[in-house]
């Protein structure tokens, strides 16, 4: 979920700034819209400067979001694996550990005019 500053909604494009030391992501599109209206370019999680050129997409969280479309939370295990946290009313927590090496973060770039694999905006 997004940090409270950006609303409590599911992330679509998880990102953070290279200046951040935390793992928590915020939604890139929402962050860009927020800064278009009132440009502060401050991380909504840690309040450090987070200018556009320093934003990166978190490939691991993007993969998690794409593979867990029906859950809002995950739990990381000590070994680096993770499992989705299912709502208690549906069932108990269901863990299906998934472990992959995190991909290198990709810098955000300008929107692509045509469809291209490395661009998250297309």
PDB file of N, CA and C in Angstrom:
ATOM      1  N   UNK A   1       0.833  -1.185   0.000  1.00  0.00           N
ATOM      2  CA  UNK A   1       0.000   0.000   0.000  1.00  0.00           C
ATOM      3  C   UNK A   1       0.873   1.243   0.000  1.00  0.00           C
ATOM      4  N   UNK A   2       0.327   2.312  -0.538  1.00  0.00           N
ATOM      5  CA  UNK A   2       1.045   3.587  -0.566  1.00  0.00           C
ATOM      6  C   UNK A   2       1.182   4.151   0.846  1.00  0.00           C
ATOM      7  N   UNK A   3       2.211   4.973   1.075  1.00  0.00           N
ATOM      8  CA  UNK A   3       2.310   5.675   2.353  1.00  0.00           C
ATOM      9  C   UNK A   3       1.107   6.601   2.531  1.00  0.00           C
ATOM     10  N   UNK A   4       0.754   6.949   3.782  1.00  0.00           N
ATOM     11  CA  UNK A   4      -0.413   7.793   4.032  1.00  0.00           C
ATOM     12  C   UNK A   4      -0.430   9.100   3.239  1.00  0.00           C
ATOM     13  N   UNK A   5       0.738   9.700   2.993  1.00  0.00           N
ATOM     14  CA  UNK A   5       0.782  10.958   2.247  1.00  0.00           C
ATOM     15  C   UNK A   5       0.184  10.802   0.854  1.00  0.00           C
ATOM     16  N   UNK A   6       0.292   9.608   0.284  1.00  0.00           N
ATOM     17  CA  UNK A   6      -0.174   9.380  -1.078  1.00  0.00           C
ATOM     18  C   UNK A   6      -1.477   8.599  -1.125  1.00  0.00           C
ATOM     19  N   UNK A   7      -2.107   8.394  -0.009  1.00  0.00           N
ATOM     20  CA  UNK A   7      -3.356   7.654   0.029  1.00  0.00           C
ATOM     21  C   UNK A   7      -3.102   6.173   0.254  1.00  0.00           C
ATOM     22  N   UNK A   8      -4.101   5.499   0.803  1.00  0.00           N
ATOM     23  CA  UNK A   8      -3.953   4.064   1.080  1.00  0.00           C
ATOM     24  C   UNK A   8      -4.531   3.279  -0.089  1.00  0.00           C
ATOM     25  N   UNK A   9      -3.739   3.134  -1.122  1.00  0.00           N
ATOM     26  CA  UNK A   9      -4.179   2.363  -2.271  1.00  0.00           C
ATOM     27  C   UNK A   9      -3.053   1.457  -2.739  1.00  0.00           C
ATOM     28  N   UNK A  10      -3.403   0.476  -3.532  1.00  0.00           N
ATOM     29  CA  UNK A  10      -2.419  -0.484  -4.027  1.00  0.00           C
ATOM     30  C   UNK A  10      -1.447   0.209  -4.975  1.00  0.00           C
ATOM     31  N   UNK A  11      -0.167  -0.089  -4.808  1.00  0.00           N
ATOM     32  CA  UNK A  11       0.854   0.460  -5.697  1.00  0.00           C
ATOM     33  C   UNK A  11       0.671  -0.099  -7.100  1.00  0.00           C
ATOM     34  N   UNK A  12       0.936   0.725  -8.095  1.00  0.00           N
ATOM     35  CA  UNK A  12       0.924   0.276  -9.485  1.00  0.00           C
ATOM     36  C   UNK A  12       2.357   0.214  -9.990  1.00  0.00           C
ATOM     37  N   UNK A  13       3.107   1.293  -9.776  1.00  0.00           N
ATOM     38  CA  UNK A  13       4.525   1.347 -10.154  1.00  0.00           C
ATOM     39  C   UNK A  13       5.315   1.682  -8.891  1.00  0.00           C
ATOM     40  N   UNK A  14       5.848   0.658  -8.200  1.00  0.00           N
ATOM     41  CA  UNK A  14       6.563   0.893  -6.945  1.00  0.00           C
ATOM     42  C   UNK A  14       7.917   1.555  -7.179  1.00  0.00           C
ATOM     43  N   UNK A  15       8.155   2.658  -6.511  1.00  0.00           N
ATOM     44  CA  UNK A  15       9.437   3.344  -6.669  1.00  0.00           C
ATOM     45  C   UNK A  15       9.875   3.961  -5.357  1.00  0.00           C
ATOM     46  N   UNK A  16      11.104   4.403  -5.331  1.00  0.00           N
ATOM     47  CA  UNK A  16      11.673   5.194  -4.242  1.00  0.00           C
ATOM     48  C   UNK A  16      12.859   5.920  -4.845  1.00  0.00           C
ATOM     49  N   UNK A  17      13.454   6.812  -4.079  1.00  0.00           N
ATOM     50  CA  UNK A  17      14.588   7.587  -4.584  1.00  0.00           C
ATOM     51  C   UNK A  17      15.899   6.916  -4.193  1.00  0.00           C
ATOM     52  N   UNK A  18      16.920   7.173  -4.959  1.00  0.00           N
ATOM     53  CA  UNK A  18      18.249   6.647  -4.630  1.00  0.00           C
ATOM     54  C   UNK A  18      18.771   7.280  -3.348  1.00  0.00           C
ATOM     55  N   UNK A  19      18.198   8.399  -2.942  1.00  0.00           N
ATOM     56  CA  UNK A  19      18.590   9.073  -1.702  1.00  0.00           C
ATOM     57  C   UNK A  19      17.959   8.424  -0.468  1.00  0.00           C
ATOM     58  N   UNK A  20      16.971   7.559  -0.661  1.00  0.00           N
ATOM     59  CA  UNK A  20      16.275   6.898   0.444  1.00  0.00           C
ATOM     60  C   UNK A  20      17.079   5.703   0.945  1.00  0.00           C
ATOM     61  N   UNK A  21      16.977   5.445   2.259  1.00  0.00           N
ATOM     62  CA  UNK A  21      17.646   4.280   2.835  1.00  0.00           C
ATOM     63  C   UNK A  21      16.642   3.195   3.234  1.00  0.00           C
ATOM     64  N   UNK A  22      15.359   3.452   3.096  1.00  0.00           N
ATOM     65  CA  UNK A  22      14.315   2.493   3.452  1.00  0.00           C
ATOM     66  C   UNK A  22      13.959   1.608   2.259  1.00  0.00           C
ATOM     67  N   UNK A  23      13.242   0.527   2.541  1.00  0.00           N
ATOM     68  CA  UNK A  23      12.791  -0.388   1.499  1.00  0.00           C
ATOM     69  C   UNK A  23      11.384  -0.072   1.014  1.00  0.00           C
ATOM     70  N   UNK A  24      10.607   0.642   1.819  1.00  0.00           N
ATOM     71  CA  UNK A  24       9.220   0.920   1.469  1.00  0.00           C
ATOM     72  C   UNK A  24       9.148   1.743   0.191  1.00  0.00           C
ATOM     73  N   UNK A  25       8.229   1.368  -0.677  1.00  0.00           N
ATOM     74  CA  UNK A  25       8.047   2.072  -1.950  1.00  0.00           C
ATOM     75  C   UNK A  25       6.804   2.953  -1.894  1.00  0.00           C
ATOM     76  N   UNK A  26       6.704   3.840  -2.862  1.00  0.00           N
ATOM     77  CA  UNK A  26       5.498   4.624  -3.075  1.00  0.00           C
ATOM     78  C   UNK A  26       5.181   4.543  -4.556  1.00  0.00           C
ATOM     79  N   UNK A  27       3.969   4.909  -4.939  1.00  0.00           N
ATOM     80  CA  UNK A  27       3.555   4.784  -6.333  1.00  0.00           C
ATOM     81  C   UNK A  27       4.114   5.926  -7.172  1.00  0.00           C
ATOM     82  N   UNK A  28       4.833   5.581  -8.223  1.00  0.00           N
ATOM     83  CA  UNK A  28       5.506   6.575  -9.061  1.00  0.00           C
ATOM     84  C   UNK A  28       4.520   7.528  -9.728  1.00  0.00           C
ATOM     85  N   UNK A  29       3.460   6.994 -10.320  1.00  0.00           N
ATOM     86  CA  UNK A  29       2.511   7.847 -11.041  1.00  0.00           C
ATOM     87  C   UNK A  29       1.841   8.841 -10.100  1.00  0.00           C
ATOM     88  N   UNK A  30       1.433   8.369  -8.934  1.00  0.00           N
ATOM     89  CA  UNK A  30       0.790   9.248  -7.955  1.00  0.00           C
ATOM     90  C   UNK A  30       1.765  10.309  -7.453  1.00  0.00           C
ATOM     91  N   UNK A  31       3.005   9.912  -7.225  1.00  0.00           N
ATOM     92  CA  UNK A  31       4.046  10.842  -6.770  1.00  0.00           C
ATOM     93  C   UNK A  31       4.302  11.925  -7.825  1.00  0.00           C
ATOM     94  N   UNK A  32       4.354  11.535  -9.087  1.00  0.00           N
ATOM     95  CA  UNK A  32       4.569  12.514 -10.163  1.00  0.00           C
ATOM     96  C   UNK A  32       3.386  13.465 -10.282  1.00  0.00           C
ATOM     97  N   UNK A  33       2.164  12.944 -10.151  1.00  0.00           N
ATOM     98  CA  UNK A  33       0.974  13.801 -10.195  1.00  0.00           C
ATOM     99  C   UNK A  33       0.980  14.790  -9.040  1.00  0.00           C
ATOM    100  N   UNK A  34       1.337  14.312  -7.858  1.00  0.00           N
ATOM    101  CA  UNK A  34       1.386  15.168  -6.675  1.00  0.00           C
ATOM    102  C   UNK A  34       2.387  16.307  -6.889  1.00  0.00           C
ATOM    103  N   UNK A  35       3.545  15.991  -7.458  1.00  0.00           N
ATOM    104  CA  UNK A  35       4.579  17.006  -7.649  1.00  0.00           C
ATOM    105  C   UNK A  35       4.317  17.904  -8.846  1.00  0.00           C
ATOM    106  N   UNK A  36       3.445  17.485  -9.736  1.00  0.00           N
ATOM    107  CA  UNK A  36       3.048  18.346 -10.844  1.00  0.00           C
ATOM    108  C   UNK A  36       2.206  19.506 -10.308  1.00  0.00           C
ATOM    109  N   UNK A  37       1.365  19.205  -9.315  1.00  0.00           N
ATOM    110  CA  UNK A  37       0.496  20.224  -8.728  1.00  0.00           C
ATOM    111  C   UNK A  37       1.252  21.134  -7.768  1.00  0.00           C
ATOM    112  N   UNK A  38       2.076  20.533  -6.920  1.00  0.00           N
ATOM    113  CA  UNK A  38       2.842  21.292  -5.928  1.00  0.00           C
ATOM    114  C   UNK A  38       4.218  20.650  -5.819  1.00  0.00           C
ATOM    115  N   UNK A  39       5.183  21.125  -6.609  1.00  0.00           N
ATOM    116  CA  UNK A  39       6.493  20.468  -6.669  1.00  0.00           C
ATOM    117  C   UNK A  39       7.339  20.626  -5.405  1.00  0.00           C
ATOM    118  N   UNK A  40       7.329  19.578  -4.582  1.00  0.00           N
ATOM    119  CA  UNK A  40       8.188  19.565  -3.399  1.00  0.00           C
ATOM    120  C   UNK A  40       9.307  18.544  -3.562  1.00  0.00           C
ATOM    121  N   UNK A  41       9.053  17.482  -4.334  1.00  0.00           N
ATOM    122  CA  UNK A  41      10.022  16.419  -4.605  1.00  0.00           C
ATOM    123  C   UNK A  41      10.660  15.896  -3.323  1.00  0.00           C
ATOM    124  N   UNK A  42       9.803  15.588  -2.351  1.00  0.00           N
ATOM    125  CA  UNK A  42      10.230  15.041  -1.068  1.00  0.00           C
ATOM    126  C   UNK A  42       9.629  13.648  -0.918  1.00  0.00           C
ATOM    127  N   UNK A  43      10.430  12.694  -0.465  1.00  0.00           N
ATOM    128  CA  UNK A  43       9.955  11.324  -0.283  1.00  0.00           C
ATOM    129  C   UNK A  43       8.810  11.305   0.728  1.00  0.00           C
ATOM    130  N   UNK A  44       7.671  10.689   0.389  1.00  0.00           N
ATOM    131  CA  UNK A  44       6.553  10.631   1.325  1.00  0.00           C
ATOM    132  C   UNK A  44       6.785   9.670   2.490  1.00  0.00           C
ATOM    133  N   UNK A  45       7.847   8.872   2.439  1.00  0.00           N
ATOM    134  CA  UNK A  45       8.147   7.927   3.513  1.00  0.00           C
ATOM    135  C   UNK A  45       9.138   8.527   4.508  1.00  0.00           C
ATOM    136  N   UNK A  46      10.256   9.078   4.002  1.00  0.00           N
ATOM    137  CA  UNK A  46      11.329   9.535   4.906  1.00  0.00           C
ATOM    138  C   UNK A  46      11.581  11.046   4.862  1.00  0.00           C
ATOM    139  N   UNK A  47      10.888  11.757   4.009  1.00  0.00           N
ATOM    140  CA  UNK A  47      10.998  13.216   3.877  1.00  0.00           C
ATOM    141  C   UNK A  47      12.344  13.708   3.347  1.00  0.00           C
ATOM    142  N   UNK A  48      13.159  12.815   2.791  1.00  0.00           N
ATOM    143  CA  UNK A  48      14.399  13.265   2.142  1.00  0.00           C
ATOM    144  C   UNK A  48      14.051  13.773   0.749  1.00  0.00           C
ATOM    145  N   UNK A  49      14.932  14.563   0.183  1.00  0.00           N
ATOM    146  CA  UNK A  49      14.722  15.044  -1.175  1.00  0.00           C
ATOM    147  C   UNK A  49      14.657  13.847  -2.118  1.00  0.00           C
ATOM    148  N   UNK A  50      13.685  13.840  -3.004  1.00  0.00           N
ATOM    149  CA  UNK A  50      13.497  12.740  -3.948  1.00  0.00           C
ATOM    150  C   UNK A  50      13.144  13.301  -5.319  1.00  0.00           C
ATOM    151  N   UNK A  51      14.111  13.986  -5.970  1.00  0.00           N
ATOM    152  CA  UNK A  51      13.833  14.568  -7.283  1.00  0.00           C
ATOM    153  C   UNK A  51      13.612  13.496  -8.348  1.00  0.00           C
ATOM    154  N   UNK A  52      12.966  13.873  -9.414  1.00  0.00           N
ATOM    155  CA  UNK A  52      12.614  12.967 -10.507  1.00  0.00           C
ATOM    156  C   UNK A  52      13.810  12.155 -10.993  1.00  0.00           C
ATOM    157  N   UNK A  53      14.950  12.802 -11.176  1.00  0.00           N
ATOM    158  CA  UNK A  53      16.137  12.117 -11.698  1.00  0.00           C
ATOM    159  C   UNK A  53      16.681  11.051 -10.749  1.00  0.00           C
ATOM    160  N   UNK A  54      16.281  11.070  -9.491  1.00  0.00           N
ATOM    161  CA  UNK A  54      16.767  10.095  -8.509  1.00  0.00           C
ATOM    162  C   UNK A  54      15.777   8.963  -8.244  1.00  0.00           C
ATOM    163  N   UNK A  55      14.644   8.947  -8.957  1.00  0.00           N
ATOM    164  CA  UNK A  55      13.644   7.906  -8.735  1.00  0.00           C
ATOM    165  C   UNK A  55      14.034   6.622  -9.454  1.00  0.00           C
ATOM    166  N   UNK A  56      13.813   5.495  -8.777  1.00  0.00           N
ATOM    167  CA  UNK A  56      14.037   4.187  -9.393  1.00  0.00           C
ATOM    168  C   UNK A  56      12.796   3.322  -9.185  1.00  0.00           C
ATOM    169  N   UNK A  57      12.529   2.461 -10.136  1.00  0.00           N
ATOM    170  CA  UNK A  57      11.447   1.496 -10.009  1.00  0.00           C
ATOM    171  C   UNK A  57      12.026   0.271  -9.322  1.00  0.00           C
ATOM    172  N   UNK A  58      11.324  -0.231  -8.325  1.00  0.00           N
ATOM    173  CA  UNK A  58      11.782  -1.413  -7.600  1.00  0.00           C
ATOM    174  C   UNK A  58      11.270  -2.660  -8.325  1.00  0.00           C
ATOM    175  N   UNK A  59      12.171  -3.327  -9.024  1.00  0.00           N
ATOM    176  CA  UNK A  59      11.805  -4.494  -9.822  1.00  0.00           C
ATOM    177  C   UNK A  59      11.261  -5.646  -9.002  1.00  0.00           C
ATOM    178  N   UNK A  60      11.801  -5.861  -7.799  1.00  0.00           N
ATOM    179  CA  UNK A  60      11.309  -6.946  -6.952  1.00  0.00           C
ATOM    180  C   UNK A  60       9.868  -6.680  -6.533  1.00  0.00           C
ATOM    181  N   UNK A  61       9.574  -5.454  -6.088  1.00  0.00           N
ATOM    182  CA  UNK A  61       8.207  -5.142  -5.683  1.00  0.00           C
ATOM    183  C   UNK A  61       7.256  -5.154  -6.875  1.00  0.00           C
ATOM    184  N   UNK A  62       7.737  -4.783  -8.053  1.00  0.00           N
ATOM    185  CA  UNK A  62       6.908  -4.846  -9.255  1.00  0.00           C
ATOM    186  C   UNK A  62       6.542  -6.306  -9.541  1.00  0.00           C
ATOM    187  N   UNK A  63       7.513  -7.191  -9.408  1.00  0.00           N
ATOM    188  CA  UNK A  63       7.267  -8.623  -9.612  1.00  0.00           C
ATOM    189  C   UNK A  63       6.279  -9.157  -8.580  1.00  0.00           C
ATOM    190  N   UNK A  64       6.435  -8.742  -7.333  1.00  0.00           N
ATOM    191  CA  UNK A  64       5.520  -9.179  -6.275  1.00  0.00           C
ATOM    192  C   UNK A  64       4.107  -8.689  -6.562  1.00  0.00           C
ATOM    193  N   UNK A  65       3.959  -7.435  -6.944  1.00  0.00           N
ATOM    194  CA  UNK A  65       2.635  -6.891  -7.256  1.00  0.00           C
ATOM    195  C   UNK A  65       1.983  -7.649  -8.401  1.00  0.00           C
ATOM    196  N   UNK A  66       2.766  -7.988  -9.412  1.00  0.00           N
ATOM    197  CA  UNK A  66       2.227  -8.703 -10.565  1.00  0.00           C
ATOM    198  C   UNK A  66       1.835 -10.139 -10.232  1.00  0.00           C
ATOM    199  N   UNK A  67       2.493 -10.750  -9.253  1.00  0.00           N
ATOM    200  CA  UNK A  67       2.174 -12.136  -8.923  1.00  0.00           C
ATOM    201  C   UNK A  67       1.165 -12.254  -7.785  1.00  0.00           C
ATOM    202  N   UNK A  68       0.878 -11.175  -7.080  1.00  0.00           N
ATOM    203  CA  UNK A  68      -0.086 -11.188  -5.963  1.00  0.00           C
ATOM    204  C   UNK A  68      -1.191 -10.184  -6.222  1.00  0.00           C
ATOM    205  N   UNK A  69      -2.022 -10.460  -7.194  1.00  0.00           N
ATOM    206  CA  UNK A  69      -3.057  -9.490  -7.541  1.00  0.00           C
ATOM    207  C   UNK A  69      -4.216  -9.470  -6.551  1.00  0.00           C
ATOM    208  N   UNK A  70      -4.349 -10.520  -5.732  1.00  0.00           N
ATOM    209  CA  UNK A  70      -5.492 -10.599  -4.828  1.00  0.00           C
ATOM    210  C   UNK A  70      -5.149 -10.354  -3.360  1.00  0.00           C
ATOM    211  N   UNK A  71      -3.975  -9.813  -3.076  1.00  0.00           N
ATOM    212  CA  UNK A  71      -3.634  -9.506  -1.681  1.00  0.00           C
ATOM    213  C   UNK A  71      -3.019  -8.110  -1.593  1.00  0.00           C
ATOM    214  N   UNK A  72      -3.162  -7.512  -0.429  1.00  0.00           N
ATOM    215  CA  UNK A  72      -2.663  -6.156  -0.216  1.00  0.00           C
ATOM    216  C   UNK A  72      -1.379  -6.108   0.593  1.00  0.00           C
ATOM    217  N   UNK A  73      -1.019  -7.218   1.222  1.00  0.00           N
ATOM    218  CA  UNK A  73       0.177  -7.238   2.058  1.00  0.00           C
ATOM    219  C   UNK A  73       0.952  -8.527   1.831  1.00  0.00           C
ATOM    220  N   UNK A  74       2.261  -8.421   2.032  1.00  0.00           N
ATOM    221  CA  UNK A  74       3.115  -9.601   1.985  1.00  0.00           C
ATOM    222  C   UNK A  74       3.968  -9.618   3.242  1.00  0.00           C
ATOM    223  N   UNK A  75       4.570 -10.753   3.506  1.00  0.00           N
ATOM    224  CA  UNK A  75       5.491 -10.854   4.631  1.00  0.00           C
ATOM    225  C   UNK A  75       6.813 -11.383   4.095  1.00  0.00           C
ATOM    226  N   UNK A  76       7.911 -10.693   4.451  1.00  0.00           N
ATOM    227  CA  UNK A  76       9.238 -11.158   4.078  1.00  0.00           C
ATOM    228  C   UNK A  76       9.747 -12.104   5.151  1.00  0.00           C
ATOM    229  N   UNK A  77      10.361 -13.187   4.719  1.00  0.00           N
ATOM    230  CA  UNK A  77      10.948 -14.164   5.629  1.00  0.00           C
ATOM    231  C   UNK A  77      12.428 -13.839   5.822  1.00  0.00           C
ATOM    232  N   UNK A  78      13.018 -14.425   6.857  1.00  0.00           N
ATOM    233  CA  UNK A  78      14.434 -14.177   7.149  1.00  0.00           C
ATOM    234  C   UNK A  78      15.348 -14.587   6.007  1.00  0.00           C
ATOM    235  N   UNK A  79      14.949 -15.601   5.240  1.00  0.00           N
ATOM    236  CA  UNK A  79      15.798 -16.084   4.152  1.00  0.00           C
ATOM    237  C   UNK A  79      15.648 -15.263   2.870  1.00  0.00           C
ATOM    238  N   UNK A  80      14.838 -14.214   2.912  1.00  0.00           N
ATOM    239  CA  UNK A  80      14.654 -13.360   1.743  1.00  0.00           C
ATOM    240  C   UNK A  80      13.450 -13.732   0.905  1.00  0.00           C
ATOM    241  N   UNK A  81      12.810 -14.856   1.204  1.00  0.00           N
ATOM    242  CA  UNK A  81      11.600 -15.218   0.481  1.00  0.00           C
ATOM    243  C   UNK A  81      10.442 -14.377   1.020  1.00  0.00           C
ATOM    244  N   UNK A  82       9.303 -14.474   0.391  1.00  0.00           N
ATOM    245  CA  UNK A  82       8.136 -13.717   0.825  1.00  0.00           C
ATOM    246  C   UNK A  82       6.892 -14.561   0.612  1.00  0.00           C
ATOM    247  N   UNK A  83       5.821 -14.184   1.301  1.00  0.00           N
ATOM    248  CA  UNK A  83       4.548 -14.864   1.092  1.00  0.00           C
ATOM    249  C   UNK A  83       3.427 -13.843   1.219  1.00  0.00           C
ATOM    250  N   UNK A  84       2.343 -14.061   0.453  1.00  0.00           N
ATOM    251  CA  UNK A  84       1.201 -13.143   0.526  1.00  0.00           C
ATOM    252  C   UNK A  84       0.449 -13.323   1.836  1.00  0.00           C
ATOM    253  N   UNK A  85      -0.087 -12.248   2.342  1.00  0.00           N
ATOM    254  CA  UNK A  85      -0.915 -12.280   3.546  1.00  0.00           C
ATOM    255  C   UNK A  85      -2.358 -12.174   3.074  1.00  0.00           C
ATOM    256  N   UNK A  86      -3.106 -13.215   3.236  1.00  0.00           N
ATOM    257  CA  UNK A  86      -4.507 -13.238   2.804  1.00  0.00           C
ATOM    258  C   UNK A  86      -5.383 -12.630   3.893  1.00  0.00           C
ATOM    259  N   UNK A  87      -6.480 -11.994   3.486  1.00  0.00           N
ATOM    260  CA  UNK A  87      -7.414 -11.495   4.504  1.00  0.00           C
ATOM    261  C   UNK A  87      -7.905 -12.651   5.368  1.00  0.00           C
ATOM    262  N   UNK A  88      -8.005 -12.425   6.666  1.00  0.00           N
ATOM    263  CA  UNK A  88      -8.365 -13.492   7.605  1.00  0.00           C
ATOM    264  C   UNK A  88      -9.751 -14.069   7.316  1.00  0.00           C
ATOM    265  N   UNK A  89     -10.680 -13.274   6.803  1.00  0.00           N
ATOM    266  CA  UNK A  89     -12.029 -13.790   6.580  1.00  0.00           C
ATOM    267  C   UNK A  89     -12.070 -14.816   5.448  1.00  0.00           C
ATOM    268  N   UNK A  90     -11.164 -14.700   4.481  1.00  0.00           N
ATOM    269  CA  UNK A  90     -11.126 -15.669   3.382  1.00  0.00           C
ATOM    270  C   UNK A  90     -10.506 -16.975   3.843  1.00  0.00           C
ATOM    271  N   UNK A  91      -9.354 -16.874   4.483  1.00  0.00           N
ATOM    272  CA  UNK A  91      -8.646 -18.056   4.962  1.00  0.00           C
ATOM    273  C   UNK A  91      -7.534 -17.602   5.877  1.00  0.00           C
ATOM    274  N   UNK A  92      -6.832 -18.548   6.425  1.00  0.00           N
ATOM    275  CA  UNK A  92      -5.676 -18.184   7.219  1.00  0.00           C
ATOM    276  C   UNK A  92      -4.590 -17.713   6.272  1.00  0.00           C
ATOM    277  N   UNK A  93      -3.542 -17.145   6.855  1.00  0.00           N
ATOM    278  CA  UNK A  93      -2.432 -16.680   6.038  1.00  0.00           C
ATOM    279  C   UNK A  93      -1.907 -17.839   5.206  1.00  0.00           C
ATOM    280  N   UNK A  94      -1.736 -17.604   3.936  1.00  0.00           N
ATOM    281  CA  UNK A  94      -1.244 -18.631   3.030  1.00  0.00           C
ATOM    282  C   UNK A  94       0.136 -18.221   2.569  1.00  0.00           C
ATOM    283  N   UNK A  95       1.118 -19.048   2.874  1.00  0.00           N
ATOM    284  CA  UNK A  95       2.478 -18.740   2.460  1.00  0.00           C
ATOM    285  C   UNK A  95       2.902 -19.679   1.355  1.00  0.00           C
ATOM    286  N   UNK A  96       3.289 -19.096   0.256  1.00  0.00           N
ATOM    287  CA  UNK A  96       3.898 -19.832  -0.832  1.00  0.00           C
ATOM    288  C   UNK A  96       5.195 -19.111  -1.123  1.00  0.00           C
ATOM    289  N   UNK A  97       6.239 -19.450  -0.362  1.00  0.00           N
ATOM    290  CA  UNK A  97       7.485 -18.703  -0.508  1.00  0.00           C
ATOM    291  C   UNK A  97       7.950 -18.622  -1.952  1.00  0.00           C
ATOM    292  N   UNK A  98       8.328 -17.437  -2.329  1.00  0.00           N
ATOM    293  CA  UNK A  98       8.876 -17.196  -3.662  1.00  0.00           C
ATOM    294  C   UNK A  98      10.198 -16.489  -3.469  1.00  0.00           C
ATOM    295  N   UNK A  99      11.226 -17.028  -4.039  1.00  0.00           N
ATOM    296  CA  UNK A  99      12.536 -16.408  -3.881  1.00  0.00           C
ATOM    297  C   UNK A  99      13.174 -16.256  -5.243  1.00  0.00           C
ATOM    298  N   UNK A 100      13.518 -15.063  -5.547  1.00  0.00           N
ATOM    299  CA  UNK A 100      14.252 -14.758  -6.761  1.00  0.00           C
ATOM    300  C   UNK A 100      15.223 -13.654  -6.428  1.00  0.00           C
ATOM    301  N   UNK A 101      16.273 -13.603  -7.166  1.00  0.00           N
ATOM    302  CA  UNK A 101      17.219 -12.511  -6.972  1.00  0.00           C
ATOM    303  C   UNK A 101      16.549 -11.231  -7.444  1.00  0.00           C
ATOM    304  N   UNK A 102      16.602 -10.151  -6.659  1.00  0.00           N
ATOM    305  CA  UNK A 102      15.961  -8.908  -7.085  1.00  0.00           C
ATOM    306  C   UNK A 102      16.651  -8.351  -8.319  1.00  0.00           C
ATOM    307  N   UNK A 103      15.854  -7.921  -9.316  1.00  0.00           N
ATOM    308  CA  UNK A 103      16.446  -7.308 -10.499  1.00  0.00           C
ATOM    309  C   UNK A 103      17.041  -5.956 -10.160  1.00  0.00           C
ATOM    310  N   UNK A 104      17.939  -5.499 -10.989  1.00  0.00           N
ATOM    311  CA  UNK A 104      18.523  -4.174 -10.790  1.00  0.00           C
ATOM    312  C   UNK A 104      17.439  -3.131 -10.945  1.00  0.00           C
ATOM    313  N   UNK A 105      17.401  -2.112 -10.080  1.00  0.00           N
ATOM    314  CA  UNK A 105      16.390  -1.070 -10.222  1.00  0.00           C
ATOM    315  C   UNK A 105      16.607  -0.293 -11.509  1.00  0.00           C
ATOM    316  N   UNK A 106      15.504   0.041 -12.147  1.00  0.00           N
ATOM    317  CA  UNK A 106      15.577   0.783 -13.398  1.00  0.00           C
ATOM    318  C   UNK A 106      15.245   2.239 -13.132  1.00  0.00           C
ATOM    319  N   UNK A 107      16.044   3.178 -13.640  1.00  0.00           N
ATOM    320  CA  UNK A 107      15.704   4.587 -13.455  1.00  0.00           C
ATOM    321  C   UNK A 107      14.452   4.934 -14.232  1.00  0.00           C
ATOM    322  N   UNK A 108      13.666   5.845 -13.679  1.00  0.00           N
ATOM    323  CA  UNK A 108      12.494   6.323 -14.399  1.00  0.00           C
ATOM    324  C   UNK A 108      12.954   7.203 -15.540  1.00  0.00           C
ATOM    325  N   UNK A 109      12.320   7.088 -16.628  1.00  0.00           N
ATOM    326  CA  UNK A 109      12.652   7.918 -17.773  1.00  0.00           C
ATOM    327  C   UNK A 109      11.399   8.594 -18.267  1.00  0.00           C
ATOM    328  N   UNK A 110      11.533   9.412 -19.299  1.00  0.00           N
ATOM    329  CA  UNK A 110      10.347  10.057 -19.848  1.00  0.00           C
ATOM    330  C   UNK A 110       9.450   9.004 -20.487  1.00  0.00           C
ATOM    331  N   UNK A 111       8.147   9.257 -20.567  1.00  0.00           N
ATOM    332  CA  UNK A 111       7.250   8.293 -21.186  1.00  0.00           C
ATOM    333  C   UNK A 111       7.678   7.983 -22.615  1.00  0.00           C
ATOM    334  N   UNK A 112       7.558   6.709 -22.974  1.00  0.00           N
ATOM    335  CA  UNK A 112       7.956   6.285 -24.320  1.00  0.00           C
ATOM    336  C   UNK A 112       6.825   6.532 -25.303  1.00  0.00           C
ATOM    337  N   UNK A 113       7.142   6.997 -26.515  1.00  0.00           N
ATOM    338  CA  UNK A 113       6.102   7.206 -27.514  1.00  0.00           C
ATOM    339  C   UNK A 113       5.607   5.889 -28.101  1.00  0.00           C
ATOM    340  N   UNK A 114       6.422   4.829 -28.041  1.00  0.00           N
ATOM    341  CA  UNK A 114       6.020   3.524 -28.552  1.00  0.00           C
ATOM    342  C   UNK A 114       6.240   2.480 -27.472  1.00  0.00           C
ATOM    343  N   UNK A 115       5.689   1.322 -27.676  1.00  0.00           N
ATOM    344  CA  UNK A 115       5.809   0.248 -26.691  1.00  0.00           C
ATOM    345  C   UNK A 115       7.230  -0.309 -26.682  1.00  0.00           C
ATOM    346  N   UNK A 116       7.854  -0.368 -25.495  1.00  0.00           N
ATOM    347  CA  UNK A 116       9.204  -0.888 -25.382  1.00  0.00           C
ATOM    348  C   UNK A 116       9.351  -1.616 -24.052  1.00  0.00           C
ATOM    349  N   UNK A 117      10.038  -2.762 -24.010  1.00  0.00           N
ATOM    350  CA  UNK A 117      10.117  -3.561 -22.789  1.00  0.00           C
ATOM    351  C   UNK A 117      10.705  -2.869 -21.570  1.00  0.00           C
ATOM    352  N   UNK A 118      11.799  -2.066 -21.666  1.00  0.00           N
ATOM    353  CA  UNK A 118      12.378  -1.543 -20.437  1.00  0.00           C
ATOM    354  C   UNK A 118      11.610  -0.392 -19.807  1.00  0.00           C
ATOM    355  N   UNK A 119      10.562   0.091 -20.439  1.00  0.00           N
ATOM    356  CA  UNK A 119       9.860   1.271 -19.938  1.00  0.00           C
ATOM    357  C   UNK A 119       8.574   0.871 -19.225  1.00  0.00           C
ATOM    358  N   UNK A 120       8.432   1.278 -17.989  1.00  0.00           N
ATOM    359  CA  UNK A 120       7.247   0.925 -17.206  1.00  0.00           C
ATOM    360  C   UNK A 120       6.038   1.779 -17.561  1.00  0.00           C
ATOM    361  N   UNK A 121       6.213   2.808 -18.319  1.00  0.00           N
ATOM    362  CA  UNK A 121       5.107   3.724 -18.626  1.00  0.00           C
ATOM    363  C   UNK A 121       4.331   3.317 -19.860  1.00  0.00           C
ATOM    364  N   UNK A 122       4.863   2.427 -20.665  1.00  0.00           N
ATOM    365  CA  UNK A 122       4.191   2.046 -21.918  1.00  0.00           C
ATOM    366  C   UNK A 122       3.165   0.967 -21.685  1.00  0.00           C
TER     367      UNK A 122
END
